[in-house]
Structures are given as C-alpha cells and as structure tokens.
Amino acid sequence: MVTDPQPPRWAEMLIERFAPKNFAEEIRGDLYEMYLGDVKQRNHRVARRKYVWRVLGFCTHTFFWKQPTQQNRYNMTGSYFKMAKRSLLANKVTTTINVLGLVIGIASALAIISIIRFEQSFDTFHSDYKNTYRMVRVSGGDVAEFRTGIPYAIPPAMKDVASIKKMTKLEYLRGANVDVLSSDGKFERQFIEEDGVVTVEPEFFDVIDFAGSPIQWIAGDAKTSLREPSSVVVTRAIAQKYFGEENPIGRTLRFQKAYDFKITGVIEDFPRNTDFPFTMLVSYSSMPLLFKERMSDWVSSNDGHAVYVVLQEGVNVKDVEAQIAKLHEAKYRKGFVKLSSLLSSATKRSAF
C-alpha cells in the first residue's frame, strides 16, 4: 500500500512545459485534488492512470494556448456583438432613444467645434495680422463713445509716426446704385449693391494681403488697377453677374447716376472668413470726386471711413495712441483716436 500517493512526475512536467504560466499552478492543483479523490475511492494505480489521461487531455489544448489566439479573440468579439444585437433588439424603444441621443450629441459637438474653428480663423491669413490694428475714434465726455469712423484729414498726418510700418484707408459705399453701360455708353441694366462696395488704396493689399488665402488677381493687379481715379475692380462673382461670359475689362459702371468708373481689374471672390467681404473695389484716389468737401476735415466723418495700420514689431500701442491723439487734439480737442486690434472682439465685423 502506498502511504504517500503522488501522481507521475513526468506528467506534472508536461503541465509545466505546455500550460500557460498564469494557469499552470491552478491546473496542477485541480488535477492533484482529483487525483487524491481517485486514490481514496479506487486505488493508487487507477488514480495514476486517470491523472495521466487528464494531463494528456489538457496537453491537447496546449497547442491553442501556446499559439496566437487571434482567432479566439475574433470569436469572442463576434459573440459580444451578437449579445449586444440581441439586447438592442429586445429593447427597441430604449435603444432608439439612446442611439438618437448619442447621434445628436456627437453631431452637436462636431457642429460647435466647426463653428468655433471658423470664428477663430477670421483674418488670420494676413502676413502681419498680429500687428494689424483698426483705428477707432473715442469721443470725450462722462461716457466714452467709440466710433469706427476716422476723420479724413488724420491719416495723411500720420505718415511721420515712425512706429507705423504700413497704413491704408478705405471707405464703405453702402447702398450703391450701379448702372452697367454698354460699350458705346448706353444704359443696359441697373443693380443695387447694399454691401461690398468700397474705396481702397493700392496699399490696401500690403496691409490686408490675404497671403494665406487662395485669393488671386484674374486680371490686373493691386498697384496699377487701383492707382488712377475713376477705376474699379470687380470680383469674379460680380463680373459674371453683370457681364456673364463677356470680358469686363474696359467696361464702364456708373455709380449713383453720376460717376463713371472703368473696370481695370478682376479678382477672385474674397473668402468667407474675413471682415472684408468686398465685391467691388473703387480706387481711393476717386474720393475727392465723391466727397471733395470732407477730405480736409479733422472733425467729422461717417462710420464707413476706416483706417488700418501695421505697427513695427515690439511697439507699445499706448505710445502710438498718444502720438496720434496729439496730432488730432492739435486740430480738434474734443476727441482723440485709439487703436483697436483688427481681431479684437470689440471691432470684429463692426463695419458690416
């Protein structure tokens, strides 16, 4: 009679050799308990034989333990999907509500992200946008009043301010009455342009250069097309709207039933994410023709006359404001001029 029954050592070594390390001890313990039960119920010889057969049975599965278990993972994943499908079909109302809520939530988050990114992209494609400022007028009094219009005589006096690297001025012509004339000067058709018509200098495209945008000149260029008085540049959309497939260069547009302007250039449509969605650019040198009595005025202006400057790198904005205010106060002491960042929320899209 065996006083200390033990299973075959070689069988235990098979378990250690083929079973995964994290399961080997557990498997060996379970088999040993079953072995002791067989010894008690039968005898040592039968118990050893059953132990060997059980070990060989486990070793049959060892191949799958030792080989990659990708197929097993696929099987388990497939089972999970089947269980999820059954659960969803068993609770159709709850499933529908949950799925709709998830879809609406994701769609809303994506929409909000898209809107935020679009808003933050406004006018960030200009070369010097971080140093570009729009001037605003601050009227004195108990309560300061901020206005976007700058008196016409101020910009020429600012040319000696050394801190200003570049400067340009423009005038918005809202509600423009535009007549299209034929090649022989006869009236063809009329348009009312509520927004988008503006007088600009050639220097406008040095300050607001759209360098990082796809905007390009189709015909003409900034330096020549906007240099002479009574010149106008139109966008591609306006050219197609007014003339279809005809070449618009050299054609005449009559503004306000009184002023004739020759088309000297065509430019691509301006991008949507800009505060300058212009459709027609009238040469600023035409301003004396349109507003002759205002050009030397230090006091009054309408909100459509805007001035933009690019400051030298590292310049203190307060110092520049003080210099401009000094120029203005020498002529008109009831107000002074401050600078507001082009991208500041205080002035963003304020012109439209």
Protein backbone atom coordinates (compact mmCIF):
# COMPACT_ATOMS: atom_id res chain seq x y z
CA MET A 1 0.00 0.00 0.00
CA VAL A 2 1.27 3.44 -0.97
CA THR A 3 1.47 5.67 2.08
CA ASP A 4 2.23 8.91 0.25
CA PRO A 5 0.46 8.75 -3.14
CA GLN A 6 1.89 11.11 -5.72
CA PRO A 7 1.00 11.48 -9.40
CA PRO A 8 3.65 10.72 -12.01
CA ARG A 9 6.35 13.38 -12.01
CA TRP A 10 6.71 13.30 -15.79
CA ALA A 11 3.00 14.13 -16.13
CA GLU A 12 3.44 17.18 -13.89
CA MET A 13 6.39 18.25 -16.02
CA LEU A 14 4.14 18.13 -19.09
CA ILE A 15 1.83 20.63 -17.41
CA GLU A 16 4.76 22.92 -16.56
CA ARG A 17 6.07 22.63 -20.11
CA PHE A 18 2.92 23.27 -22.10
CA ALA A 19 0.41 25.09 -19.92
CA PRO A 20 0.46 28.94 -19.81
CA LYS A 21 2.42 30.14 -16.80
CA ASN A 22 -0.51 32.03 -15.32
CA PHE A 23 -2.67 28.87 -15.43
CA ALA A 24 -0.14 26.08 -14.75
CA GLU A 25 -0.32 26.19 -10.95
CA GLU A 26 -4.13 26.28 -10.98
CA ILE A 27 -4.33 23.35 -13.40
CA ARG A 28 -1.83 21.30 -11.41
CA GLY A 29 -3.75 21.96 -8.18
CA ASP A 30 -7.10 20.94 -9.69
CA LEU A 31 -5.67 17.75 -11.17
CA TYR A 32 -3.99 16.86 -7.87
CA GLU A 33 -7.27 17.20 -5.96
CA MET A 34 -8.98 14.95 -8.49
CA TYR A 35 -6.06 12.51 -8.18
CA LEU A 36 -6.43 12.31 -4.37
CA GLY A 37 -10.16 11.70 -4.78
CA ASP A 38 -9.50 8.82 -7.13
CA VAL A 39 -6.94 7.33 -4.71
CA LYS A 40 -9.48 7.41 -1.90
CA GLN A 41 -12.34 5.96 -3.97
CA ARG A 42 -10.38 3.46 -6.04
CA ASN A 43 -6.67 2.85 -5.69
CA HIS A 44 -3.31 4.37 -6.48
CA ARG A 45 -2.91 2.59 -9.81
CA VAL A 46 -6.30 3.74 -11.19
CA ALA A 47 -5.71 7.26 -9.87
CA ARG A 48 -2.33 7.50 -11.66
CA ARG A 49 -3.86 6.27 -14.91
CA LYS A 50 -6.71 8.81 -14.75
CA TYR A 51 -4.25 11.55 -13.83
CA VAL A 52 -2.16 10.77 -16.93
CA TRP A 53 -5.22 10.79 -19.18
CA ARG A 54 -6.37 14.12 -17.76
CA VAL A 55 -2.91 15.64 -18.26
CA LEU A 56 -2.84 14.40 -21.85
CA GLY A 57 -6.30 15.89 -22.34
CA PHE A 58 -5.06 19.28 -21.13
CA CYS A 59 -1.99 18.97 -23.30
CA THR A 60 -4.24 18.52 -26.32
CA HIS A 61 -5.42 22.12 -25.77
CA THR A 62 -1.93 23.36 -25.06
CA PHE A 63 -1.32 23.95 -28.74
CA PHE A 64 -4.01 26.58 -28.73
CA TRP A 65 -2.67 28.13 -25.52
CA LYS A 66 0.81 28.45 -26.97
CA GLN A 67 -0.18 29.61 -30.47
CA PRO A 68 -1.54 33.09 -31.26
CA THR A 69 -5.11 33.41 -30.08
CA GLN A 70 -6.24 35.88 -32.76
CA GLN A 71 -9.00 33.55 -33.95
CA ASN A 72 -10.24 33.11 -30.38
CA ARG A 73 -10.32 36.87 -29.99
CA TYR A 74 -12.35 37.16 -33.18
CA ASN A 75 -14.75 34.53 -31.90
CA MET A 76 -15.17 36.33 -28.58
CA THR A 77 -15.64 39.68 -30.31
CA GLY A 78 -18.26 38.15 -32.57
CA SER A 79 -20.04 36.76 -29.53
CA TYR A 80 -20.05 40.17 -27.89
CA PHE A 81 -21.62 41.73 -30.97
CA LYS A 82 -24.26 39.03 -31.13
CA MET A 83 -25.14 39.55 -27.47
CA ALA A 84 -25.29 43.32 -27.98
CA LYS A 85 -27.53 42.90 -31.03
CA ARG A 86 -29.94 40.67 -29.15
CA SER A 87 -30.07 43.11 -26.25
CA LEU A 88 -30.73 46.05 -28.57
CA LEU A 89 -33.49 44.23 -30.45
CA ALA A 90 -35.10 43.16 -27.21
CA ASN A 91 -35.39 46.81 -26.06
CA LYS A 92 -36.18 48.68 -29.28
CA VAL A 93 -37.68 51.82 -27.72
CA THR A 94 -34.85 52.31 -25.25
CA THR A 95 -32.30 51.50 -27.94
CA THR A 96 -33.82 54.06 -30.34
CA ILE A 97 -33.79 56.79 -27.69
CA ASN A 98 -30.21 56.05 -26.68
CA VAL A 99 -28.93 55.87 -30.25
CA LEU A 100 -30.69 59.11 -31.23
CA GLY A 101 -29.31 60.83 -28.15
CA LEU A 102 -25.81 59.65 -28.97
CA VAL A 103 -26.08 60.76 -32.61
CA ILE A 104 -27.47 64.18 -31.68
CA GLY A 105 -24.79 64.65 -29.03
CA ILE A 106 -21.94 63.80 -31.40
CA ALA A 107 -23.41 65.92 -34.21
CA SER A 108 -23.85 68.88 -31.86
CA ALA A 109 -20.29 68.60 -30.58
CA LEU A 110 -18.90 68.47 -34.13
CA ALA A 111 -21.04 71.46 -35.16
CA ILE A 112 -19.86 73.52 -32.18
CA ILE A 113 -16.22 72.64 -32.87
CA SER A 114 -16.66 73.59 -36.53
CA ILE A 115 -18.23 76.95 -35.65
CA ILE A 116 -15.51 77.78 -33.12
CA ARG A 117 -12.75 76.91 -35.58
CA PHE A 118 -14.43 79.01 -38.28
CA GLU A 119 -14.80 82.03 -35.99
CA GLN A 120 -11.20 81.77 -34.82
CA SER A 121 -9.94 81.64 -38.42
CA PHE A 122 -11.19 85.13 -39.32
CA ASP A 123 -8.43 87.22 -40.93
CA THR A 124 -5.61 85.07 -39.56
CA PHE A 125 -4.24 84.51 -43.08
CA HIS A 126 -2.74 88.01 -43.43
CA SER A 127 1.04 88.19 -43.07
CA ASP A 128 1.10 90.77 -40.25
CA TYR A 129 -2.31 90.12 -38.72
CA LYS A 130 -0.90 90.04 -35.17
CA ASN A 131 0.43 93.59 -35.56
CA THR A 132 -2.51 94.92 -37.60
CA TYR A 133 -4.89 97.35 -35.93
CA ARG A 134 -8.02 99.22 -36.87
CA MET A 135 -8.27 102.76 -35.58
CA VAL A 136 -11.36 103.84 -33.62
CA ARG A 137 -12.42 107.28 -32.53
CA VAL A 138 -13.20 107.87 -28.85
CA SER A 139 -15.35 110.90 -28.14
CA GLY A 140 -14.74 112.62 -24.81
CA GLY A 141 -17.34 113.16 -22.10
CA ASP A 142 -18.68 111.48 -19.00
CA VAL A 143 -19.28 108.32 -21.02
CA ALA A 144 -16.74 107.50 -23.72
CA GLU A 145 -18.26 106.84 -27.13
CA PHE A 146 -16.38 104.58 -29.52
CA ARG A 147 -16.88 105.12 -33.26
CA THR A 148 -15.24 103.30 -36.15
CA GLY A 149 -15.17 106.29 -38.50
CA ILE A 150 -11.92 108.30 -38.68
CA PRO A 151 -11.82 111.94 -39.89
CA TYR A 152 -10.36 112.12 -43.41
CA ALA A 153 -7.52 114.52 -42.57
CA ILE A 154 -5.94 112.34 -39.86
CA PRO A 155 -4.31 109.56 -41.97
CA PRO A 156 -2.13 111.91 -44.08
CA ALA A 157 -0.81 113.49 -40.87
CA MET A 158 0.17 110.05 -39.51
CA LYS A 159 2.83 109.40 -42.13
CA ASP A 160 5.51 110.79 -39.81
CA VAL A 161 4.68 108.39 -36.95
CA ALA A 162 7.74 106.13 -37.04
CA SER A 163 6.07 103.27 -35.17
CA ILE A 164 3.63 102.74 -38.03
CA LYS A 165 5.06 100.28 -40.53
CA LYS A 166 2.17 100.33 -43.02
CA MET A 167 -1.14 102.14 -43.27
CA THR A 168 -4.19 102.10 -45.51
CA LYS A 169 -7.57 103.76 -45.51
CA LEU A 170 -10.86 102.81 -47.11
CA GLU A 171 -14.45 104.00 -47.39
CA TYR A 172 -17.52 101.75 -47.44
CA LEU A 173 -20.10 102.80 -50.04
CA ARG A 174 -23.28 101.15 -48.82
CA GLY A 175 -26.41 101.05 -50.93
CA ALA A 176 -24.52 101.83 -54.14
CA ASN A 177 -26.66 102.35 -57.24
CA VAL A 178 -24.72 100.77 -60.12
CA ASP A 179 -25.66 101.11 -63.79
CA VAL A 180 -24.00 98.89 -66.38
CA LEU A 181 -23.24 100.79 -69.57
CA SER A 182 -22.73 99.29 -73.00
CA SER A 183 -19.54 99.72 -75.00
CA ASP A 184 -20.99 102.84 -76.62
CA GLY A 185 -22.03 104.34 -73.26
CA LYS A 186 -25.73 103.46 -73.31
CA PHE A 187 -27.61 102.22 -70.24
CA GLU A 188 -28.08 98.43 -70.15
CA ARG A 189 -29.20 97.41 -66.66
CA GLN A 190 -29.17 98.54 -63.06
CA PHE A 191 -28.09 96.92 -59.79
CA ILE A 192 -28.31 97.97 -56.14
CA GLU A 193 -25.34 96.78 -54.10
CA GLU A 194 -26.26 97.15 -50.43
CA ASP A 195 -22.86 95.94 -49.19
CA GLY A 196 -19.48 95.04 -50.57
CA VAL A 197 -18.62 98.24 -52.48
CA VAL A 198 -15.59 100.01 -51.01
CA THR A 199 -12.94 102.53 -52.00
CA VAL A 200 -9.42 101.24 -51.34
CA GLU A 201 -5.85 102.31 -51.99
CA PRO A 202 -3.28 100.14 -53.78
CA GLU A 203 -1.61 99.86 -50.34
CA PHE A 204 -4.66 98.01 -49.02
CA PHE A 205 -3.21 94.73 -50.29
CA ASP A 206 0.07 95.46 -48.49
CA VAL A 207 -1.72 95.73 -45.14
CA ILE A 208 -4.56 93.25 -45.71
CA ASP A 209 -2.67 90.95 -48.06
CA PHE A 210 -4.65 87.67 -47.88
CA ALA A 211 -1.28 85.91 -48.20
CA GLY A 212 -2.54 82.68 -46.68
CA SER A 213 -5.79 82.56 -48.66
CA PRO A 214 -6.46 81.38 -52.24
CA ILE A 215 -7.46 84.86 -53.42
CA GLN A 216 -5.69 85.88 -56.65
CA TRP A 217 -5.91 88.51 -59.34
CA ILE A 218 -7.55 87.21 -62.52
CA ALA A 219 -6.86 90.40 -64.48
CA GLY A 220 -4.85 93.44 -63.45
CA ASP A 221 -3.02 93.91 -60.14
CA ALA A 222 -3.27 95.99 -56.98
CA LYS A 223 -0.58 98.52 -57.86
CA THR A 224 -1.94 99.51 -61.29
CA SER A 225 -5.64 98.67 -61.25
CA LEU A 226 -6.39 100.87 -58.22
CA ARG A 227 -3.96 103.70 -58.91
CA GLU A 228 -5.94 106.04 -61.18
CA PRO A 229 -9.15 107.89 -60.24
CA SER A 230 -12.43 106.54 -61.63
CA SER A 231 -11.10 102.97 -61.65
CA VAL A 232 -12.94 99.97 -60.23
CA VAL A 233 -12.01 96.32 -59.67
CA VAL A 234 -14.75 93.68 -59.53
CA THR A 235 -14.78 90.16 -58.14
CA ARG A 236 -15.37 87.09 -60.28
CA ALA A 237 -18.95 86.84 -58.97
CA ILE A 238 -19.78 90.45 -59.90
CA ALA A 239 -18.17 90.07 -63.33
CA GLN A 240 -20.36 87.05 -64.06
CA LYS A 241 -23.43 88.76 -62.57
CA TYR A 242 -23.02 91.91 -64.69
CA PHE A 243 -21.45 90.60 -67.90
CA GLY A 244 -21.85 86.82 -68.00
CA GLU A 245 -19.02 85.31 -70.05
CA GLU A 246 -18.00 88.65 -71.61
CA ASN A 247 -14.67 90.24 -70.75
CA PRO A 248 -15.43 93.01 -68.23
CA ILE A 249 -12.07 94.81 -68.57
CA GLY A 250 -12.60 98.28 -70.02
CA ARG A 251 -16.37 98.29 -69.45
CA THR A 252 -17.97 101.23 -67.64
CA LEU A 253 -20.06 101.25 -64.47
CA ARG A 254 -21.99 104.37 -63.46
CA PHE A 255 -22.37 104.97 -59.72
CA GLN A 256 -25.23 106.95 -58.21
CA LYS A 257 -26.38 108.01 -61.70
CA ALA A 258 -23.49 110.47 -61.85
CA TYR A 259 -19.98 108.99 -61.70
CA ASP A 260 -18.50 106.75 -64.38
CA PHE A 261 -15.83 104.20 -63.44
CA LYS A 262 -13.86 101.96 -65.79
CA ILE A 263 -13.23 98.33 -64.83
CA THR A 264 -9.46 97.86 -64.63
CA GLY A 265 -9.18 94.52 -62.85
CA VAL A 266 -10.91 91.30 -61.81
CA ILE A 267 -10.11 89.48 -58.58
CA GLU A 268 -11.20 86.16 -57.11
CA ASP A 269 -14.08 86.24 -54.65
CA PHE A 270 -12.98 87.07 -51.12
CA PRO A 271 -13.05 84.22 -48.57
CA ARG A 272 -15.98 83.84 -46.19
CA ASN A 273 -13.87 84.05 -43.04
CA THR A 274 -12.88 87.68 -43.43
CA ASP A 275 -14.19 91.03 -42.26
CA PHE A 276 -13.55 92.30 -45.78
CA PRO A 277 -16.14 90.53 -47.98
CA PHE A 278 -15.79 93.07 -50.78
CA THR A 279 -17.39 92.70 -54.20
CA MET A 280 -16.22 95.94 -55.87
CA LEU A 281 -13.07 97.94 -55.15
CA VAL A 282 -13.17 101.58 -56.21
CA SER A 283 -9.86 103.45 -56.34
CA TYR A 284 -9.46 105.63 -53.23
CA SER A 285 -7.99 108.35 -55.43
CA SER A 286 -11.60 108.87 -56.58
CA MET A 287 -12.58 110.11 -53.11
CA PRO A 288 -12.12 113.83 -53.92
CA LEU A 289 -14.61 113.30 -56.72
CA LEU A 290 -17.13 111.69 -54.38
CA PHE A 291 -16.50 113.55 -51.10
CA LYS A 292 -14.45 116.61 -52.02
CA GLU A 293 -15.59 118.76 -49.09
CA ARG A 294 -14.64 116.11 -46.48
CA MET A 295 -11.05 115.35 -47.42
CA SER A 296 -9.55 118.12 -45.24
CA ASP A 297 -11.99 117.64 -42.36
CA TRP A 298 -10.40 116.94 -38.93
CA VAL A 299 -13.72 116.78 -37.13
CA SER A 300 -16.50 114.87 -38.82
CA SER A 301 -16.59 111.52 -40.57
CA ASN A 302 -19.02 108.73 -41.14
CA ASP A 303 -18.52 105.26 -39.71
CA GLY A 304 -17.71 103.95 -43.17
CA HIS A 305 -14.29 105.61 -43.30
CA ALA A 306 -11.82 103.14 -41.77
CA VAL A 307 -8.07 103.25 -41.22
CA TYR A 308 -5.86 100.19 -40.68
CA VAL A 309 -2.22 100.24 -39.62
CA VAL A 310 0.54 97.68 -39.17
CA LEU A 311 2.81 98.58 -36.26
CA GLN A 312 6.50 97.84 -36.01
CA GLU A 313 7.36 94.69 -34.05
CA GLY A 314 7.53 95.28 -30.30
CA VAL A 315 5.97 98.75 -30.40
CA ASN A 316 3.93 99.89 -27.40
CA VAL A 317 0.40 100.53 -28.67
CA LYS A 318 -0.24 103.12 -25.95
CA ASP A 319 2.68 105.20 -27.21
CA VAL A 320 1.31 105.17 -30.75
CA GLU A 321 -2.15 106.12 -29.49
CA ALA A 322 -0.64 109.07 -27.64
CA GLN A 323 1.15 110.31 -30.77
CA ILE A 324 -1.99 110.08 -32.90
CA ALA A 325 -4.11 111.71 -30.19
CA LYS A 326 -1.63 114.59 -30.05
CA LEU A 327 -1.96 115.10 -33.80
CA HIS A 328 -5.74 115.11 -33.55
CA GLU A 329 -6.01 117.32 -30.49
CA ALA A 330 -3.89 119.96 -32.17
CA LYS A 331 -6.79 120.44 -34.58
CA TYR A 332 -9.78 119.23 -32.58
CA ARG A 333 -9.66 118.88 -28.78
CA LYS A 334 -13.00 117.19 -28.17
CA GLY A 335 -11.93 113.75 -29.26
CA PHE A 336 -8.94 111.56 -29.79
CA VAL A 337 -8.04 108.38 -31.59
CA LYS A 338 -7.21 104.96 -30.17
CA LEU A 339 -6.09 101.77 -31.83
CA SER A 340 -8.11 98.60 -31.63
CA SER A 341 -6.76 95.24 -32.75
CA LEU A 342 -8.04 94.06 -36.11
CA LEU A 343 -9.08 90.79 -34.50
CA SER A 344 -10.43 92.32 -31.31
CA SER A 345 -13.96 91.29 -30.39
CA ALA A 346 -14.75 94.97 -29.87
CA THR A 347 -14.43 95.71 -33.58
CA LYS A 348 -14.80 92.36 -35.29
CA ARG A 349 -17.19 92.63 -38.23
CA SER A 350 -18.31 96.00 -36.85
CA ALA A 351 -18.20 97.52 -40.30
CA PHE A 352 -20.97 95.31 -41.65
